[in-house]
Every structure is written in C-alpha cells, then in structure tokens.
Amino acid sequence: MKGVLSAGLMLGVMTTLSGADIPIFGRSARLLQIQDVTSIRTLAGRDILAIEAERDQVLPEAWLAVAYLAPDSEAGGIRRGRILDLKTLLKDARATEWRVTSHDGRYAQVAAFGRPFSNSVTGDDVDRPFRMFGDFSDTELAGVISYVRSSPRKSPIPDDPDGTSHVDYPDRLDGRVPLVELRRVDRNTVEVFMGRERSNGYRAVLHYRNRSWHLGEIAFYMS
C-alpha cells in the first residue's frame, strides 16, 4: 500500500541506527528499531537531517515521528527544510506499519553563536530544528532567535495606587532551552514554544515594536 511500510523484529536499541547516520531524539527515540528507521527513510524518499520520536497521547497506542528532511536551503547560519509527519500503531510494544500523516510541515534551524551546525543534533541542542508556521524572512528569524536566546525578562508590572504589588511567574525565558515551534500570529506578533521535550515547556508571545522584540505573555504548557 502506498505510504505504508511494515516494521519488523527488534534488533537492538540505540539513539542512532543503521550506520549511526541519522540522529534520533525525543521521548521514544530509544524504542525505535532499525526497521523503523529504514521504513521512515524509504517513505521520506530523500536524506533526513534528524528524526524526533514521541508516543501518541491518545489511544490506541501509537508512536509519532517527525522526520526533518535534508535542508532545502542554507545561508547565513539559517537552514530551512520540510517536515514529514508519520505515525504507527503498536502491537506488543513494536511498530506495525508506518504511514505518512502530513508532508506539509516546514522547519527552520538557526546556528548557535556563530558555531557550525552539528552533524548529530539532539533535543537538548539550542540549535535543533524547530517547526515553523507562517512566513518569516531570514532577518526576522535571526532577530527572533537572537532575542529568545538572550533570556529576556518581562517588564515589571507597576504597583497599584494603593501599594499592591504584582508578580508575574514565570517572568523570563531561559535562552538555554531549545525552541521547538515558532508561529506567526500577525505582522508584529509571534508565538514561541520552548522545551527539551515537545510535550512540555514554555509558551511565550513576543511583540515587535520600536524596532525590537518584547516579551509579552509567558506560561508553562503541557500537551
């Protein structure tokens, strides 16, 4: 069947498989077998930069995989490419058939502090690829990521006339935490999700005014 491949028997657990040439990260990374990676590679039909593997949060039991395909462009420390989303149901804790659920996703990757990209990216790397929704120029991407990595703090809330103080928590972003998703809300507003796991971390809204970014709403999220 087109778009579906069978996964086979277990042949060992590693964070990189089949020649150690594709980095694999995520909460289910160590559960993938050589056959899973082979199936994902075949469905992708081209080189893969990295695979992110997670367990589906709804029944029936399933694994989800995000295949970050080899970048379509790279310039000025910014990579752009396409995402292949995949899913397989489980039987006896093993993948049954991988299938493509979406091929419309896009990602970006921004080099860290002028360093070259690593060949073995992990979910802890600040320069890991992140999913992107909406259009961003290279200048915008560089500006947003630079701001986020600066660990910005929210402006303090003034006290009320009666002296009542207000404290926001959290009130800052930790620039050491990787960005996992970037969404454009409107021309001057973006939403960022940051975490070492896709399922939980920070969600923040950034506003562009007076030629610079400013931290607005920030909260913890879980999915």
C-alpha atoms as a PDB file:
ATOM      1  CA  MET A   1       0.000   0.000   0.000  1.00  0.00           C
ATOM      2  CA  LYS A   2       1.399   3.417  -0.920  1.00  0.00           C
ATOM      3  CA  GLY A   3       2.546   5.456   2.075  1.00  0.00           C
ATOM      4  CA  VAL A   4       2.741   2.398   4.377  1.00  0.00           C
ATOM      5  CA  LEU A   5       5.645   0.128   5.253  1.00  0.00           C
ATOM      6  CA  SER A   6       5.920  -2.772   7.703  1.00  0.00           C
ATOM      7  CA  ALA A   7       8.284  -2.692  10.683  1.00  0.00           C
ATOM      8  CA  GLY A   8       9.982  -5.927  11.664  1.00  0.00           C
ATOM      9  CA  LEU A   9      11.702  -7.674  14.543  1.00  0.00           C
ATOM     10  CA  MET A  10      13.697  -5.978  17.265  1.00  0.00           C
ATOM     11  CA  LEU A  11      17.430  -5.745  16.553  1.00  0.00           C
ATOM     12  CA  GLY A  12      18.652  -3.582  19.440  1.00  0.00           C
ATOM     13  CA  VAL A  13      18.055  -0.127  20.871  1.00  0.00           C
ATOM     14  CA  MET A  14      20.281   2.848  20.004  1.00  0.00           C
ATOM     15  CA  THR A  15      19.856   6.585  19.676  1.00  0.00           C
ATOM     16  CA  THR A  16      21.271   6.380  16.155  1.00  0.00           C
ATOM     17  CA  LEU A  17      20.626   3.384  13.977  1.00  0.00           C
ATOM     18  CA  SER A  18      21.622   1.844  10.665  1.00  0.00           C
ATOM     19  CA  GLY A  19      25.148   3.147  10.432  1.00  0.00           C
ATOM     20  CA  ALA A  20      24.567   5.828  13.076  1.00  0.00           C
ATOM     21  CA  ASP A  21      23.950   8.332  10.291  1.00  0.00           C
ATOM     22  CA  ILE A  22      20.578   9.752  11.396  1.00  0.00           C
ATOM     23  CA  PRO A  23      20.320  11.427  14.805  1.00  0.00           C
ATOM     24  CA  ILE A  24      17.180  10.330  16.671  1.00  0.00           C
ATOM     25  CA  PHE A  25      15.826  12.148  19.707  1.00  0.00           C
ATOM     26  CA  GLY A  26      12.595  12.520  21.648  1.00  0.00           C
ATOM     27  CA  ARG A  27      10.905  10.540  24.415  1.00  0.00           C
ATOM     28  CA  SER A  28      10.534   7.415  22.262  1.00  0.00           C
ATOM     29  CA  ALA A  29      13.891   7.616  20.489  1.00  0.00           C
ATOM     30  CA  ARG A  30      15.373   4.570  22.225  1.00  0.00           C
ATOM     31  CA  LEU A  31      12.361   2.456  21.323  1.00  0.00           C
ATOM     32  CA  LEU A  32      12.808   2.731  17.559  1.00  0.00           C
ATOM     33  CA  GLN A  33      14.406  -0.213  15.807  1.00  0.00           C
ATOM     34  CA  ILE A  34      16.474  -0.422  12.644  1.00  0.00           C
ATOM     35  CA  GLN A  35      13.383  -1.440  10.690  1.00  0.00           C
ATOM     36  CA  ASP A  36      11.533   1.669  11.881  1.00  0.00           C
ATOM     37  CA  VAL A  37      14.279   3.964  10.667  1.00  0.00           C
ATOM     38  CA  THR A  38      14.508   2.096   7.367  1.00  0.00           C
ATOM     39  CA  SER A  39      10.755   2.480   6.857  1.00  0.00           C
ATOM     40  CA  ILE A  40      10.851   6.189   7.668  1.00  0.00           C
ATOM     41  CA  ARG A  41      13.786   6.729   5.313  1.00  0.00           C
ATOM     42  CA  THR A  42      12.022   4.925   2.496  1.00  0.00           C
ATOM     43  CA  LEU A  43       8.822   6.904   2.998  1.00  0.00           C
ATOM     44  CA  ALA A  44      10.814  10.148   3.037  1.00  0.00           C
ATOM     45  CA  GLY A  45      12.450   9.320  -0.280  1.00  0.00           C
ATOM     46  CA  ARG A  46      15.403  11.602   0.454  1.00  0.00           C
ATOM     47  CA  ASP A  47      18.070  12.271   3.069  1.00  0.00           C
ATOM     48  CA  ILE A  48      16.918  13.006   6.614  1.00  0.00           C
ATOM     49  CA  LEU A  49      18.555  15.532   8.920  1.00  0.00           C
ATOM     50  CA  ALA A  50      17.078  14.046  12.131  1.00  0.00           C
ATOM     51  CA  ILE A  51      14.112  12.114  13.498  1.00  0.00           C
ATOM     52  CA  GLU A  52      12.114  13.132  16.550  1.00  0.00           C
ATOM     53  CA  ALA A  53      10.105  10.271  18.076  1.00  0.00           C
ATOM     54  CA  GLU A  54       7.264  10.611  20.591  1.00  0.00           C
ATOM     55  CA  ARG A  55       4.491   8.461  21.987  1.00  0.00           C
ATOM     56  CA  ASP A  56       0.969   9.449  20.918  1.00  0.00           C
ATOM     57  CA  GLN A  57      -1.111  10.772  23.810  1.00  0.00           C
ATOM     58  CA  VAL A  58      -4.365   9.185  22.655  1.00  0.00           C
ATOM     59  CA  LEU A  59      -5.446   5.582  22.240  1.00  0.00           C
ATOM     60  CA  PRO A  60      -4.902   3.216  20.542  1.00  0.00           C
ATOM     61  CA  GLU A  61      -1.205   3.106  21.416  1.00  0.00           C
ATOM     62  CA  ALA A  62       0.957   4.608  18.726  1.00  0.00           C
ATOM     63  CA  TRP A  63       4.286   6.274  18.037  1.00  0.00           C
ATOM     64  CA  LEU A  64       4.650   9.554  16.234  1.00  0.00           C
ATOM     65  CA  ALA A  65       7.732  10.565  14.289  1.00  0.00           C
ATOM     66  CA  VAL A  66       8.815  13.887  12.858  1.00  0.00           C
ATOM     67  CA  ALA A  67      11.333  13.469  10.049  1.00  0.00           C
ATOM     68  CA  TYR A  68      13.265  16.663   9.426  1.00  0.00           C
ATOM     69  CA  LEU A  69      14.275  16.283   5.797  1.00  0.00           C
ATOM     70  CA  ALA A  70      17.631  17.444   4.459  1.00  0.00           C
ATOM     71  CA  PRO A  71      17.536  21.251   4.227  1.00  0.00           C
ATOM     72  CA  ASP A  72      16.334  22.888   1.029  1.00  0.00           C
ATOM     73  CA  SER A  73      18.449  25.970   1.718  1.00  0.00           C
ATOM     74  CA  GLU A  74      21.248  27.118   3.995  1.00  0.00           C
ATOM     75  CA  ALA A  75      22.627  30.647   4.170  1.00  0.00           C
ATOM     76  CA  GLY A  76      23.920  32.948   6.870  1.00  0.00           C
ATOM     77  CA  GLY A  77      23.583  30.346   9.621  1.00  0.00           C
ATOM     78  CA  ILE A  78      19.924  29.612   8.781  1.00  0.00           C
ATOM     79  CA  ARG A  79      18.624  26.356   7.378  1.00  0.00           C
ATOM     80  CA  ARG A  80      15.126  25.767   6.040  1.00  0.00           C
ATOM     81  CA  GLY A  81      13.501  22.495   5.079  1.00  0.00           C
ATOM     82  CA  ARG A  82      10.421  20.317   5.049  1.00  0.00           C
ATOM     83  CA  ILE A  83       8.919  18.057   7.681  1.00  0.00           C
ATOM     84  CA  LEU A  84       7.379  14.636   7.191  1.00  0.00           C
ATOM     85  CA  ASP A  85       4.967  13.609   9.966  1.00  0.00           C
ATOM     86  CA  LEU A  86       4.496   9.872  10.470  1.00  0.00           C
ATOM     87  CA  LYS A  87       2.596   7.508  12.737  1.00  0.00           C
ATOM     88  CA  THR A  88       2.472   3.807  13.504  1.00  0.00           C
ATOM     89  CA  LEU A  89       0.194   1.775  15.730  1.00  0.00           C
ATOM     90  CA  LEU A  90       1.832  -0.612  18.194  1.00  0.00           C
ATOM     91  CA  LYS A  91       1.459  -4.308  18.749  1.00  0.00           C
ATOM     92  CA  ASP A  92       3.325  -5.940  21.635  1.00  0.00           C
ATOM     93  CA  ALA A  93       5.223  -2.666  22.069  1.00  0.00           C
ATOM     94  CA  ARG A  94       6.501  -2.832  18.473  1.00  0.00           C
ATOM     95  CA  ALA A  95       5.660  -0.722  15.454  1.00  0.00           C
ATOM     96  CA  THR A  96       3.263  -2.301  12.966  1.00  0.00           C
ATOM     97  CA  GLU A  97       3.026  -0.038   9.895  1.00  0.00           C
ATOM     98  CA  TRP A  98       4.444   3.429   9.487  1.00  0.00           C
ATOM     99  CA  ARG A  99       2.377   5.821   7.405  1.00  0.00           C
ATOM    100  CA  VAL A 100       2.735   9.462   6.435  1.00  0.00           C
ATOM    101  CA  THR A 101       0.156  11.708   8.120  1.00  0.00           C
ATOM    102  CA  SER A 102       1.402  15.010   6.683  1.00  0.00           C
ATOM    103  CA  HIS A 103       4.083  16.243   4.316  1.00  0.00           C
ATOM    104  CA  ASP A 104       3.249  19.959   4.551  1.00  0.00           C
ATOM    105  CA  GLY A 105       5.297  20.886   7.615  1.00  0.00           C
ATOM    106  CA  ARG A 106       8.253  23.250   7.494  1.00  0.00           C
ATOM    107  CA  TYR A 107      11.182  23.752   9.818  1.00  0.00           C
ATOM    108  CA  ALA A 108      13.993  26.203  10.355  1.00  0.00           C
ATOM    109  CA  GLN A 109      17.308  25.815  12.131  1.00  0.00           C
ATOM    110  CA  VAL A 110      19.443  28.725  13.345  1.00  0.00           C
ATOM    111  CA  ALA A 111      23.113  28.223  14.189  1.00  0.00           C
ATOM    112  CA  ALA A 112      24.170  28.903  17.769  1.00  0.00           C
ATOM    113  CA  PHE A 113      26.502  31.792  18.487  1.00  0.00           C
ATOM    114  CA  GLY A 114      28.248  31.614  15.135  1.00  0.00           C
ATOM    115  CA  ARG A 115      29.151  27.949  15.514  1.00  0.00           C
ATOM    116  CA  PRO A 116      28.669  25.489  12.614  1.00  0.00           C
ATOM    117  CA  PHE A 117      25.723  23.114  12.737  1.00  0.00           C
ATOM    118  CA  SER A 118      26.324  19.791  14.453  1.00  0.00           C
ATOM    119  CA  ASN A 119      26.026  16.566  12.480  1.00  0.00           C
ATOM    120  CA  SER A 120      24.379  14.851  15.447  1.00  0.00           C
ATOM    121  CA  VAL A 121      21.664  17.218  16.655  1.00  0.00           C
ATOM    122  CA  THR A 122      19.744  16.287  19.810  1.00  0.00           C
ATOM    123  CA  GLY A 123      16.632  17.563  21.542  1.00  0.00           C
ATOM    124  CA  ASP A 124      18.834  19.407  24.061  1.00  0.00           C
ATOM    125  CA  ASP A 125      20.715  21.433  21.462  1.00  0.00           C
ATOM    126  CA  VAL A 126      19.756  25.089  21.337  1.00  0.00           C
ATOM    127  CA  ASP A 127      20.234  24.985  17.543  1.00  0.00           C
ATOM    128  CA  ARG A 128      17.951  21.995  16.976  1.00  0.00           C
ATOM    129  CA  PRO A 129      15.417  22.291  14.105  1.00  0.00           C
ATOM    130  CA  PHE A 130      12.028  23.730  15.066  1.00  0.00           C
ATOM    131  CA  ARG A 131       8.637  23.608  13.391  1.00  0.00           C
ATOM    132  CA  MET A 132       7.576  26.872  11.785  1.00  0.00           C
ATOM    133  CA  PHE A 133       4.115  28.199  10.931  1.00  0.00           C
ATOM    134  CA  GLY A 134       3.795  31.334   8.829  1.00  0.00           C
ATOM    135  CA  ASP A 135       6.264  33.256   6.694  1.00  0.00           C
ATOM    136  CA  PHE A 136       9.486  34.649   8.152  1.00  0.00           C
ATOM    137  CA  SER A 137      12.361  36.316   6.375  1.00  0.00           C
ATOM    138  CA  ASP A 138      15.891  35.299   7.323  1.00  0.00           C
ATOM    139  CA  THR A 139      16.279  38.657   9.069  1.00  0.00           C
ATOM    140  CA  GLU A 140      13.151  38.066  11.135  1.00  0.00           C
ATOM    141  CA  LEU A 141      14.215  34.540  12.054  1.00  0.00           C
ATOM    142  CA  ALA A 142      17.649  35.693  13.144  1.00  0.00           C
ATOM    143  CA  GLY A 143      16.132  38.513  15.192  1.00  0.00           C
ATOM    144  CA  VAL A 144      13.542  36.357  16.957  1.00  0.00           C
ATOM    145  CA  ILE A 145      16.017  33.596  17.792  1.00  0.00           C
ATOM    146  CA  SER A 146      18.672  36.045  18.981  1.00  0.00           C
ATOM    147  CA  TYR A 147      16.122  37.677  21.273  1.00  0.00           C
ATOM    148  CA  VAL A 148      14.885  34.358  22.682  1.00  0.00           C
ATOM    149  CA  ARG A 149      18.450  33.165  23.322  1.00  0.00           C
ATOM    150  CA  SER A 150      19.196  36.371  25.242  1.00  0.00           C
ATOM    151  CA  SER A 151      16.955  35.080  28.100  1.00  0.00           C
ATOM    152  CA  PRO A 152      14.649  38.137  28.023  1.00  0.00           C
ATOM    153  CA  ARG A 153      12.669  39.220  31.071  1.00  0.00           C
ATOM    154  CA  LYS A 154       9.205  40.788  31.105  1.00  0.00           C
ATOM    155  CA  SER A 155       8.861  44.409  32.073  1.00  0.00           C
ATOM    156  CA  PRO A 156       7.759  44.625  35.739  1.00  0.00           C
ATOM    157  CA  ILE A 157       4.127  45.396  36.479  1.00  0.00           C
ATOM    158  CA  PRO A 158       3.784  48.764  38.268  1.00  0.00           C
ATOM    159  CA  ASP A 159       2.327  48.725  41.767  1.00  0.00           C
ATOM    160  CA  ASP A 160      -1.315  49.766  42.180  1.00  0.00           C
ATOM    161  CA  PRO A 161      -2.024  53.196  43.641  1.00  0.00           C
ATOM    162  CA  ASP A 162      -2.814  51.523  46.962  1.00  0.00           C
ATOM    163  CA  GLY A 163       0.620  49.910  47.039  1.00  0.00           C
ATOM    164  CA  THR A 164      -0.478  46.430  45.935  1.00  0.00           C
ATOM    165  CA  SER A 165       2.386  44.639  44.177  1.00  0.00           C
ATOM    166  CA  HIS A 166       2.015  42.199  41.290  1.00  0.00           C
ATOM    167  CA  VAL A 167       4.476  39.434  40.493  1.00  0.00           C
ATOM    168  CA  ASP A 168       4.500  37.501  37.224  1.00  0.00           C
ATOM    169  CA  TYR A 169       5.793  33.930  37.238  1.00  0.00           C
ATOM    170  CA  PRO A 170       7.465  32.886  35.118  1.00  0.00           C
ATOM    171  CA  ASP A 171       8.716  36.315  34.156  1.00  0.00           C
ATOM    172  CA  ARG A 172      11.550  35.393  31.805  1.00  0.00           C
ATOM    173  CA  LEU A 173      12.631  32.939  29.129  1.00  0.00           C
ATOM    174  CA  ASP A 174      15.628  30.683  29.599  1.00  0.00           C
ATOM    175  CA  GLY A 175      17.658  31.153  26.428  1.00  0.00           C
ATOM    176  CA  ARG A 176      19.440  27.846  27.021  1.00  0.00           C
ATOM    177  CA  VAL A 177      16.203  25.953  26.367  1.00  0.00           C
ATOM    178  CA  PRO A 178      15.692  24.972  22.697  1.00  0.00           C
ATOM    179  CA  LEU A 179      12.927  26.404  20.576  1.00  0.00           C
ATOM    180  CA  VAL A 180      10.597  23.642  19.327  1.00  0.00           C
ATOM    181  CA  GLU A 181       7.967  25.694  17.499  1.00  0.00           C
ATOM    182  CA  LEU A 182       7.528  29.200  16.091  1.00  0.00           C
ATOM    183  CA  ARG A 183       4.158  30.603  14.988  1.00  0.00           C
ATOM    184  CA  ARG A 184       3.325  33.893  13.344  1.00  0.00           C
ATOM    185  CA  VAL A 185       0.200  35.445  14.898  1.00  0.00           C
ATOM    186  CA  ASP A 186       0.226  38.665  12.894  1.00  0.00           C
ATOM    187  CA  ARG A 187       2.717  41.060  11.348  1.00  0.00           C
ATOM    188  CA  ASN A 188       4.177  42.172  14.694  1.00  0.00           C
ATOM    189  CA  THR A 189       3.348  39.220  16.964  1.00  0.00           C
ATOM    190  CA  VAL A 190       4.786  35.713  17.162  1.00  0.00           C
ATOM    191  CA  GLU A 191       4.271  32.780  19.486  1.00  0.00           C
ATOM    192  CA  VAL A 192       7.179  30.581  20.596  1.00  0.00           C
ATOM    193  CA  PHE A 193       7.250  27.178  22.284  1.00  0.00           C
ATOM    194  CA  MET A 194      10.437  26.138  24.070  1.00  0.00           C
ATOM    195  CA  GLY A 195      11.325  22.891  25.789  1.00  0.00           C
ATOM    196  CA  ARG A 196      13.682  19.953  25.945  1.00  0.00           C
ATOM    197  CA  GLU A 197      10.643  17.781  25.269  1.00  0.00           C
ATOM    198  CA  ARG A 198       7.940  18.660  22.775  1.00  0.00           C
ATOM    199  CA  SER A 199       5.190  17.814  25.278  1.00  0.00           C
ATOM    200  CA  ASN A 200       6.037  20.464  27.867  1.00  0.00           C
ATOM    201  CA  GLY A 201       7.934  23.697  28.341  1.00  0.00           C
ATOM    202  CA  TYR A 202       7.363  27.422  27.909  1.00  0.00           C
ATOM    203  CA  ARG A 203       4.851  29.172  25.673  1.00  0.00           C
ATOM    204  CA  ALA A 204       5.503  32.861  25.113  1.00  0.00           C
ATOM    205  CA  VAL A 205       4.147  35.688  22.971  1.00  0.00           C
ATOM    206  CA  LEU A 206       6.591  38.197  21.516  1.00  0.00           C
ATOM    207  CA  HIS A 207       5.655  41.637  20.208  1.00  0.00           C
ATOM    208  CA  TYR A 208       7.703  43.687  17.756  1.00  0.00           C
ATOM    209  CA  ARG A 209       7.592  47.426  18.392  1.00  0.00           C
ATOM    210  CA  ASN A 210      10.030  50.316  18.204  1.00  0.00           C
ATOM    211  CA  ARG A 211      12.331  48.117  16.073  1.00  0.00           C
ATOM    212  CA  SER A 212      12.872  45.465  18.729  1.00  0.00           C
ATOM    213  CA  TRP A 213      11.182  42.407  20.213  1.00  0.00           C
ATOM    214  CA  HIS A 214       9.467  42.478  23.616  1.00  0.00           C
ATOM    215  CA  LEU A 215       8.325  39.614  25.816  1.00  0.00           C
ATOM    216  CA  GLY A 216       4.597  39.550  26.486  1.00  0.00           C
ATOM    217  CA  GLU A 217       2.567  36.684  27.879  1.00  0.00           C
ATOM    218  CA  ILE A 218       4.567  33.694  29.129  1.00  0.00           C
ATOM    219  CA  ALA A 219       3.314  30.473  30.700  1.00  0.00           C
ATOM    220  CA  PHE A 220       4.171  26.816  31.155  1.00  0.00           C
ATOM    221  CA  TYR A 221       2.425  24.365  28.864  1.00  0.00           C
ATOM    222  CA  MET A 222       1.825  20.601  28.768  1.00  0.00           C
ATOM    223  CA  SER A 223       0.262  18.543  25.999  1.00  0.00           C
END
